[in-house]
Amino acid sequence: MRSLIFAALTAISIPGAAFAYPEGTGDHVATTDPGKVICRSQEVVGSRLATEKTCHTAAEWAQYEREMRLTTDRIQMQKSHQGG
């Protein structure tokens, strides 16, 4: 089930941002400058040690986070309607 959710989340992601930002960073987009570039280190799926630095503007990160939330909501709604 986790792999299905991950596949759905990455399918709609912004190119180059195929991984959600790591837990515990607290690096939510909270800036008044949508053009400010924000870089995040993200764990590479399938590796315990490798990380990848991903940089996008604050507006792009905000859009990415909105898409992830919407996708998560859709998956949860589908699951609840299927009786799972």
PDB file of N, CA and C in Angstrom:
ATOM      1  N   MET A   1       0.819  -1.182   0.000  1.00  0.00           N
ATOM      2  CA  MET A   1       0.000   0.000   0.000  1.00  0.00           C
ATOM      3  C   MET A   1       0.872   1.259   0.000  1.00  0.00           C
ATOM      4  N   ARG A   2       1.971   1.236   0.759  1.00  0.00           N
ATOM      5  CA  ARG A   2       2.862   2.395   0.798  1.00  0.00           C
ATOM      6  C   ARG A   2       3.429   2.716  -0.577  1.00  0.00           C
ATOM      7  N   SER A   3       3.794   1.672  -1.321  1.00  0.00           N
ATOM      8  CA  SER A   3       4.367   1.914  -2.636  1.00  0.00           C
ATOM      9  C   SER A   3       3.328   2.512  -3.574  1.00  0.00           C
ATOM     10  N   LEU A   4       2.072   2.142  -3.423  1.00  0.00           N
ATOM     11  CA  LEU A   4       0.997   2.719  -4.228  1.00  0.00           C
ATOM     12  C   LEU A   4       0.838   4.200  -3.919  1.00  0.00           C
ATOM     13  N   ILE A   5       0.841   4.546  -2.647  1.00  0.00           N
ATOM     14  CA  ILE A   5       0.721   5.947  -2.245  1.00  0.00           C
ATOM     15  C   ILE A   5       1.921   6.736  -2.745  1.00  0.00           C
ATOM     16  N   PHE A   6       3.122   6.192  -2.579  1.00  0.00           N
ATOM     17  CA  PHE A   6       4.318   6.901  -3.032  1.00  0.00           C
ATOM     18  C   PHE A   6       4.273   7.108  -4.535  1.00  0.00           C
ATOM     19  N   ALA A   7       3.850   6.091  -5.274  1.00  0.00           N
ATOM     20  CA  ALA A   7       3.777   6.220  -6.728  1.00  0.00           C
ATOM     21  C   ALA A   7       2.777   7.295  -7.126  1.00  0.00           C
ATOM     22  N   ALA A   8       1.653   7.345  -6.443  1.00  0.00           N
ATOM     23  CA  ALA A   8       0.646   8.359  -6.755  1.00  0.00           C
ATOM     24  C   ALA A   8       1.162   9.757  -6.430  1.00  0.00           C
ATOM     25  N   LEU A   9       1.851   9.887  -5.320  1.00  0.00           N
ATOM     26  CA  LEU A   9       2.370  11.194  -4.936  1.00  0.00           C
ATOM     27  C   LEU A   9       3.456  11.673  -5.884  1.00  0.00           C
ATOM     28  N   THR A  10       4.317  10.797  -6.319  1.00  0.00           N
ATOM     29  CA  THR A  10       5.396  11.214  -7.204  1.00  0.00           C
ATOM     30  C   THR A  10       4.914  11.414  -8.626  1.00  0.00           C
ATOM     31  N   ALA A  11       3.806  10.796  -8.987  1.00  0.00           N
ATOM     32  CA  ALA A  11       3.307  10.929 -10.359  1.00  0.00           C
ATOM     33  C   ALA A  11       2.894  12.354 -10.688  1.00  0.00           C
ATOM     34  N   ILE A  12       2.473  13.114  -9.690  1.00  0.00           N
ATOM     35  CA  ILE A  12       2.022  14.479  -9.960  1.00  0.00           C
ATOM     36  C   ILE A  12       3.038  15.528  -9.535  1.00  0.00           C
ATOM     37  N   SER A  13       4.185  15.093  -9.089  1.00  0.00           N
ATOM     38  CA  SER A  13       5.152  16.041  -8.550  1.00  0.00           C
ATOM     39  C   SER A  13       5.757  16.937  -9.619  1.00  0.00           C
ATOM     40  N   ILE A  14       6.289  18.032  -9.173  1.00  0.00           N
ATOM     41  CA  ILE A  14       6.995  18.962 -10.040  1.00  0.00           C
ATOM     42  C   ILE A  14       8.251  18.265 -10.552  1.00  0.00           C
ATOM     43  N   PRO A  15       8.585  18.404 -11.824  1.00  0.00           N
ATOM     44  CA  PRO A  15       9.800  17.761 -12.324  1.00  0.00           C
ATOM     45  C   PRO A  15      11.014  18.133 -11.459  1.00  0.00           C
ATOM     46  N   GLY A  16      11.777  17.125 -11.093  1.00  0.00           N
ATOM     47  CA  GLY A  16      12.960  17.359 -10.270  1.00  0.00           C
ATOM     48  C   GLY A  16      12.665  17.302  -8.784  1.00  0.00           C
ATOM     49  N   ALA A  17      11.402  17.195  -8.410  1.00  0.00           N
ATOM     50  CA  ALA A  17      11.056  17.133  -6.997  1.00  0.00           C
ATOM     51  C   ALA A  17      10.286  15.844  -6.736  1.00  0.00           C
ATOM     52  N   ALA A  18      10.870  14.748  -7.102  1.00  0.00           N
ATOM     53  CA  ALA A  18      10.189  13.473  -7.032  1.00  0.00           C
ATOM     54  C   ALA A  18      10.075  12.923  -5.619  1.00  0.00           C
ATOM     55  N   PHE A  19      10.699  13.543  -4.646  1.00  0.00           N
ATOM     56  CA  PHE A  19      10.632  13.070  -3.284  1.00  0.00           C
ATOM     57  C   PHE A  19      10.063  14.161  -2.389  1.00  0.00           C
ATOM     58  N   ALA A  20       9.192  13.777  -1.497  1.00  0.00           N
ATOM     59  CA  ALA A  20       8.663  14.743  -0.541  1.00  0.00           C
ATOM     60  C   ALA A  20       9.785  15.193   0.393  1.00  0.00           C
ATOM     61  N   TYR A  21       9.670  16.401   0.934  1.00  0.00           N
ATOM     62  CA  TYR A  21      10.745  16.869   1.801  1.00  0.00           C
ATOM     63  C   TYR A  21      10.783  16.024   3.063  1.00  0.00           C
ATOM     64  N   PRO A  22      11.955  15.851   3.632  1.00  0.00           N
ATOM     65  CA  PRO A  22      12.110  14.944   4.765  1.00  0.00           C
ATOM     66  C   PRO A  22      11.346  15.403   5.991  1.00  0.00           C
ATOM     67  N   GLU A  23      10.892  14.450   6.770  1.00  0.00           N
ATOM     68  CA  GLU A  23      10.169  14.752   7.993  1.00  0.00           C
ATOM     69  C   GLU A  23      11.073  15.490   8.964  1.00  0.00           C
ATOM     70  N   GLY A  24      10.469  16.364   9.745  1.00  0.00           N
ATOM     71  CA  GLY A  24      11.204  17.039  10.789  1.00  0.00           C
ATOM     72  C   GLY A  24      11.995  18.261  10.344  1.00  0.00           C
ATOM     73  N   THR A  25      11.922  18.619   9.070  1.00  0.00           N
ATOM     74  CA  THR A  25      12.676  19.794   8.638  1.00  0.00           C
ATOM     75  C   THR A  25      11.989  21.067   9.068  1.00  0.00           C
ATOM     76  N   GLY A  26      10.661  21.027   9.153  1.00  0.00           N
ATOM     77  CA  GLY A  26       9.936  22.232   9.511  1.00  0.00           C
ATOM     78  C   GLY A  26      10.108  23.317   8.466  1.00  0.00           C
ATOM     79  N   ASP A  27      10.524  22.935   7.285  1.00  0.00           N
ATOM     80  CA  ASP A  27      10.838  23.901   6.240  1.00  0.00           C
ATOM     81  C   ASP A  27       9.631  24.143   5.342  1.00  0.00           C
ATOM     82  N   HIS A  28       8.486  24.416   5.956  1.00  0.00           N
ATOM     83  CA  HIS A  28       7.304  24.726   5.167  1.00  0.00           C
ATOM     84  C   HIS A  28       7.498  26.104   4.554  1.00  0.00           C
ATOM     85  N   VAL A  29       6.907  26.307   3.417  1.00  0.00           N
ATOM     86  CA  VAL A  29       7.077  27.564   2.707  1.00  0.00           C
ATOM     87  C   VAL A  29       6.297  28.644   3.440  1.00  0.00           C
ATOM     88  N   ALA A  30       7.014  29.525   4.093  1.00  0.00           N
ATOM     89  CA  ALA A  30       6.399  30.632   4.816  1.00  0.00           C
ATOM     90  C   ALA A  30       7.203  31.891   4.511  1.00  0.00           C
ATOM     91  N   THR A  31       7.062  32.372   3.312  1.00  0.00           N
ATOM     92  CA  THR A  31       7.792  33.563   2.918  1.00  0.00           C
ATOM     93  C   THR A  31       6.875  34.463   2.108  1.00  0.00           C
ATOM     94  N   THR A  32       7.142  35.748   2.142  1.00  0.00           N
ATOM     95  CA  THR A  32       6.332  36.685   1.370  1.00  0.00           C
ATOM     96  C   THR A  32       6.883  36.858  -0.034  1.00  0.00           C
ATOM     97  N   ASP A  33       8.064  36.309  -0.304  1.00  0.00           N
ATOM     98  CA  ASP A  33       8.694  36.424  -1.615  1.00  0.00           C
ATOM     99  C   ASP A  33       8.542  35.106  -2.367  1.00  0.00           C
ATOM    100  N   PRO A  34       7.565  35.008  -3.284  1.00  0.00           N
ATOM    101  CA  PRO A  34       7.350  33.742  -3.990  1.00  0.00           C
ATOM    102  C   PRO A  34       8.496  33.363  -4.921  1.00  0.00           C
ATOM    103  N   GLY A  35       9.383  34.298  -5.222  1.00  0.00           N
ATOM    104  CA  GLY A  35      10.506  34.001  -6.103  1.00  0.00           C
ATOM    105  C   GLY A  35      11.757  33.575  -5.371  1.00  0.00           C
ATOM    106  N   LYS A  36      11.712  33.579  -4.034  1.00  0.00           N
ATOM    107  CA  LYS A  36      12.877  33.185  -3.242  1.00  0.00           C
ATOM    108  C   LYS A  36      13.165  31.707  -3.462  1.00  0.00           C
ATOM    109  N   VAL A  37      14.424  31.381  -3.743  1.00  0.00           N
ATOM    110  CA  VAL A  37      14.820  29.990  -3.970  1.00  0.00           C
ATOM    111  C   VAL A  37      15.094  29.320  -2.625  1.00  0.00           C
ATOM    112  N   ILE A  38      14.465  28.164  -2.441  1.00  0.00           N
ATOM    113  CA  ILE A  38      14.610  27.382  -1.214  1.00  0.00           C
ATOM    114  C   ILE A  38      15.140  26.012  -1.605  1.00  0.00           C
ATOM    115  N   CYS A  39      16.215  25.599  -0.958  1.00  0.00           N
ATOM    116  CA  CYS A  39      16.814  24.287  -1.222  1.00  0.00           C
ATOM    117  C   CYS A  39      16.543  23.374  -0.038  1.00  0.00           C
ATOM    118  N   ARG A  40      16.248  22.129  -0.339  1.00  0.00           N
ATOM    119  CA  ARG A  40      16.000  21.125   0.697  1.00  0.00           C
ATOM    120  C   ARG A  40      16.815  19.884   0.386  1.00  0.00           C
ATOM    121  N   SER A  41      17.370  19.286   1.431  1.00  0.00           N
ATOM    122  CA  SER A  41      18.039  17.992   1.287  1.00  0.00           C
ATOM    123  C   SER A  41      16.995  16.924   1.510  1.00  0.00           C
ATOM    124  N   GLN A  42      16.924  15.996   0.575  1.00  0.00           N
ATOM    125  CA  GLN A  42      15.917  14.959   0.635  1.00  0.00           C
ATOM    126  C   GLN A  42      16.561  13.595   0.554  1.00  0.00           C
ATOM    127  N   GLU A  43      16.012  12.660   1.323  1.00  0.00           N
ATOM    128  CA  GLU A  43      16.523  11.300   1.295  1.00  0.00           C
ATOM    129  C   GLU A  43      16.182  10.657  -0.038  1.00  0.00           C
ATOM    130  N   VAL A  44      17.108   9.895  -0.568  1.00  0.00           N
ATOM    131  CA  VAL A  44      16.880   9.163  -1.804  1.00  0.00           C
ATOM    132  C   VAL A  44      16.193   7.853  -1.441  1.00  0.00           C
ATOM    133  N   VAL A  45      15.065   7.584  -2.073  1.00  0.00           N
ATOM    134  CA  VAL A  45      14.312   6.364  -1.788  1.00  0.00           C
ATOM    135  C   VAL A  45      15.160   5.154  -2.161  1.00  0.00           C
ATOM    136  N   GLY A  46      15.246   4.203  -1.239  1.00  0.00           N
ATOM    137  CA  GLY A  46      16.016   2.991  -1.480  1.00  0.00           C
ATOM    138  C   GLY A  46      17.433   3.060  -0.929  1.00  0.00           C
ATOM    139  N   SER A  47      17.786   4.190  -0.347  1.00  0.00           N
ATOM    140  CA  SER A  47      19.122   4.322   0.227  1.00  0.00           C
ATOM    141  C   SER A  47      19.007   4.877   1.640  1.00  0.00           C
ATOM    142  N   ARG A  48      19.809   4.349   2.533  1.00  0.00           N
ATOM    143  CA  ARG A  48      19.779   4.849   3.908  1.00  0.00           C
ATOM    144  C   ARG A  48      20.684   6.057   4.085  1.00  0.00           C
ATOM    145  N   LEU A  49      21.635   6.240   3.185  1.00  0.00           N
ATOM    146  CA  LEU A  49      22.624   7.281   3.379  1.00  0.00           C
ATOM    147  C   LEU A  49      22.561   8.410   2.357  1.00  0.00           C
ATOM    148  N   ALA A  50      22.143   8.121   1.161  1.00  0.00           N
ATOM    149  CA  ALA A  50      22.187   9.119   0.094  1.00  0.00           C
ATOM    150  C   ALA A  50      21.123  10.198   0.284  1.00  0.00           C
ATOM    151  N   THR A  51      21.507  11.429   0.011  1.00  0.00           N
ATOM    152  CA  THR A  51      20.568  12.546  -0.005  1.00  0.00           C
ATOM    153  C   THR A  51      20.741  13.304  -1.309  1.00  0.00           C
ATOM    154  N   GLU A  52      19.724  14.034  -1.662  1.00  0.00           N
ATOM    155  CA  GLU A  52      19.734  14.807  -2.888  1.00  0.00           C
ATOM    156  C   GLU A  52      19.257  16.212  -2.571  1.00  0.00           C
ATOM    157  N   LYS A  53      19.961  17.206  -3.041  1.00  0.00           N
ATOM    158  CA  LYS A  53      19.578  18.594  -2.815  1.00  0.00           C
ATOM    159  C   LYS A  53      18.659  19.031  -3.949  1.00  0.00           C
ATOM    160  N   THR A  54      17.475  19.541  -3.577  1.00  0.00           N
ATOM    161  CA  THR A  54      16.490  19.986  -4.554  1.00  0.00           C
ATOM    162  C   THR A  54      16.159  21.438  -4.270  1.00  0.00           C
ATOM    163  N   CYS A  55      16.245  22.274  -5.288  1.00  0.00           N
ATOM    164  CA  CYS A  55      15.968  23.701  -5.135  1.00  0.00           C
ATOM    165  C   CYS A  55      14.819  24.126  -6.043  1.00  0.00           C
ATOM    166  N   HIS A  56      13.889  24.878  -5.465  1.00  0.00           N
ATOM    167  CA  HIS A  56      12.759  25.440  -6.197  1.00  0.00           C
ATOM    168  C   HIS A  56      12.410  26.775  -5.557  1.00  0.00           C
ATOM    169  N   THR A  57      11.614  27.560  -6.252  1.00  0.00           N
ATOM    170  CA  THR A  57      11.155  28.814  -5.670  1.00  0.00           C
ATOM    171  C   THR A  57      10.112  28.516  -4.606  1.00  0.00           C
ATOM    172  N   ALA A  58       9.855  29.496  -3.759  1.00  0.00           N
ATOM    173  CA  ALA A  58       8.853  29.329  -2.704  1.00  0.00           C
ATOM    174  C   ALA A  58       7.489  29.028  -3.314  1.00  0.00           C
ATOM    175  N   ALA A  59       7.166  29.663  -4.431  1.00  0.00           N
ATOM    176  CA  ALA A  59       5.886  29.414  -5.095  1.00  0.00           C
ATOM    177  C   ALA A  59       5.803  27.972  -5.601  1.00  0.00           C
ATOM    178  N   GLU A  60       6.901  27.447  -6.141  1.00  0.00           N
ATOM    179  CA  GLU A  60       6.910  26.066  -6.623  1.00  0.00           C
ATOM    180  C   GLU A  60       6.755  25.079  -5.469  1.00  0.00           C
ATOM    181  N   TRP A  61       7.445  25.343  -4.337  1.00  0.00           N
ATOM    182  CA  TRP A  61       7.310  24.468  -3.177  1.00  0.00           C
ATOM    183  C   TRP A  61       5.880  24.508  -2.650  1.00  0.00           C
ATOM    184  N   ALA A  62       5.275  25.695  -2.624  1.00  0.00           N
ATOM    185  CA  ALA A  62       3.897  25.810  -2.146  1.00  0.00           C
ATOM    186  C   ALA A  62       2.954  25.008  -3.038  1.00  0.00           C
ATOM    187  N   GLN A  63       3.135  25.102  -4.349  1.00  0.00           N
ATOM    188  CA  GLN A  63       2.315  24.338  -5.294  1.00  0.00           C
ATOM    189  C   GLN A  63       2.523  22.839  -5.098  1.00  0.00           C
ATOM    190  N   TYR A  64       3.761  22.429  -4.922  1.00  0.00           N
ATOM    191  CA  TYR A  64       4.093  21.022  -4.693  1.00  0.00           C
ATOM    192  C   TYR A  64       3.386  20.506  -3.437  1.00  0.00           C
ATOM    193  N   GLU A  65       3.436  21.292  -2.361  1.00  0.00           N
ATOM    194  CA  GLU A  65       2.805  20.884  -1.114  1.00  0.00           C
ATOM    195  C   GLU A  65       1.286  20.801  -1.266  1.00  0.00           C
ATOM    196  N   ARG A  66       0.682  21.740  -1.998  1.00  0.00           N
ATOM    197  CA  ARG A  66      -0.760  21.693  -2.259  1.00  0.00           C
ATOM    198  C   ARG A  66      -1.128  20.420  -3.022  1.00  0.00           C
ATOM    199  N   GLU A  67      -0.346  20.104  -4.058  1.00  0.00           N
ATOM    200  CA  GLU A  67      -0.608  18.900  -4.850  1.00  0.00           C
ATOM    201  C   GLU A  67      -0.477  17.636  -4.001  1.00  0.00           C
ATOM    202  N   MET A  68       0.514  17.593  -3.133  1.00  0.00           N
ATOM    203  CA  MET A  68       0.696  16.428  -2.268  1.00  0.00           C
ATOM    204  C   MET A  68      -0.494  16.271  -1.325  1.00  0.00           C
ATOM    205  N   ARG A  69      -0.958  17.398  -0.746  1.00  0.00           N
ATOM    206  CA  ARG A  69      -2.111  17.349   0.144  1.00  0.00           C
ATOM    207  C   ARG A  69      -3.353  16.862  -0.600  1.00  0.00           C
ATOM    208  N   LEU A  70      -3.596  17.401  -1.785  1.00  0.00           N
ATOM    209  CA  LEU A  70      -4.761  16.996  -2.577  1.00  0.00           C
ATOM    210  C   LEU A  70      -4.700  15.517  -2.958  1.00  0.00           C
ATOM    211  N   THR A  71      -3.529  15.064  -3.349  1.00  0.00           N
ATOM    212  CA  THR A  71      -3.371  13.653  -3.711  1.00  0.00           C
ATOM    213  C   THR A  71      -3.606  12.751  -2.509  1.00  0.00           C
ATOM    214  N   THR A  72      -3.065  13.123  -1.370  1.00  0.00           N
ATOM    215  CA  THR A  72      -3.268  12.347  -0.150  1.00  0.00           C
ATOM    216  C   THR A  72      -4.752  12.294   0.196  1.00  0.00           C
ATOM    217  N   ASP A  73      -5.423  13.431   0.105  1.00  0.00           N
ATOM    218  CA  ASP A  73      -6.865  13.471   0.383  1.00  0.00           C
ATOM    219  C   ASP A  73      -7.637  12.570  -0.579  1.00  0.00           C
ATOM    220  N   ARG A  74      -7.290  12.622  -1.876  1.00  0.00           N
ATOM    221  CA  ARG A  74      -7.974  11.787  -2.862  1.00  0.00           C
ATOM    222  C   ARG A  74      -7.784  10.305  -2.570  1.00  0.00           C
ATOM    223  N   ILE A  75      -6.564   9.915  -2.244  1.00  0.00           N
ATOM    224  CA  ILE A  75      -6.277   8.506  -1.944  1.00  0.00           C
ATOM    225  C   ILE A  75      -7.053   8.057  -0.716  1.00  0.00           C
ATOM    226  N   GLN A  76      -7.094   8.906   0.312  1.00  0.00           N
ATOM    227  CA  GLN A  76      -7.820   8.552   1.526  1.00  0.00           C
ATOM    228  C   GLN A  76      -9.322   8.463   1.269  1.00  0.00           C
ATOM    229  N   MET A  77      -9.854   9.354   0.424  1.00  0.00           N
ATOM    230  CA  MET A  77     -11.282   9.312   0.095  1.00  0.00           C
ATOM    231  C   MET A  77     -11.606   8.038  -0.668  1.00  0.00           C
ATOM    232  N   GLN A  78     -10.750   7.672  -1.635  1.00  0.00           N
ATOM    233  CA  GLN A  78     -10.976   6.458  -2.414  1.00  0.00           C
ATOM    234  C   GLN A  78     -10.951   5.234  -1.501  1.00  0.00           C
ATOM    235  N   LYS A  79     -10.016   5.216  -0.573  1.00  0.00           N
ATOM    236  CA  LYS A  79      -9.886   4.094   0.331  1.00  0.00           C
ATOM    237  C   LYS A  79     -11.124   3.978   1.221  1.00  0.00           C
ATOM    238  N   SER A  80     -11.644   5.109   1.712  1.00  0.00           N
ATOM    239  CA  SER A  80     -12.807   5.064   2.590  1.00  0.00           C
ATOM    240  C   SER A  80     -14.066   4.660   1.821  1.00  0.00           C
ATOM    241  N   HIS A  81     -14.144   5.019   0.537  1.00  0.00           N
ATOM    242  CA  HIS A  81     -15.297   4.638  -0.273  1.00  0.00           C
ATOM    243  C   HIS A  81     -15.244   3.164  -0.680  1.00  0.00           C
ATOM    244  N   GLN A  82     -14.047   2.576  -0.668  1.00  0.00           N
ATOM    245  CA  GLN A  82     -13.895   1.160  -1.020  1.00  0.00           C
ATOM    246  C   GLN A  82     -14.080   0.260   0.203  1.00  0.00           C
ATOM    247  N   GLY A  83     -14.252   0.873   1.351  1.00  0.00           N
ATOM    248  CA  GLY A  83     -14.461   0.078   2.567  1.00  0.00           C
ATOM    249  C   GLY A  83     -13.178  -0.428   3.173  1.00  0.00           C
ATOM    250  N   GLY A  84     -12.036   0.203   2.836  1.00  0.00           N
ATOM    251  CA  GLY A  84     -10.742  -0.271   3.303  1.00  0.00           C
ATOM    252  C   GLY A  84     -10.304   0.399   4.512  1.00  0.00           C
TER     253      GLY A  84
END
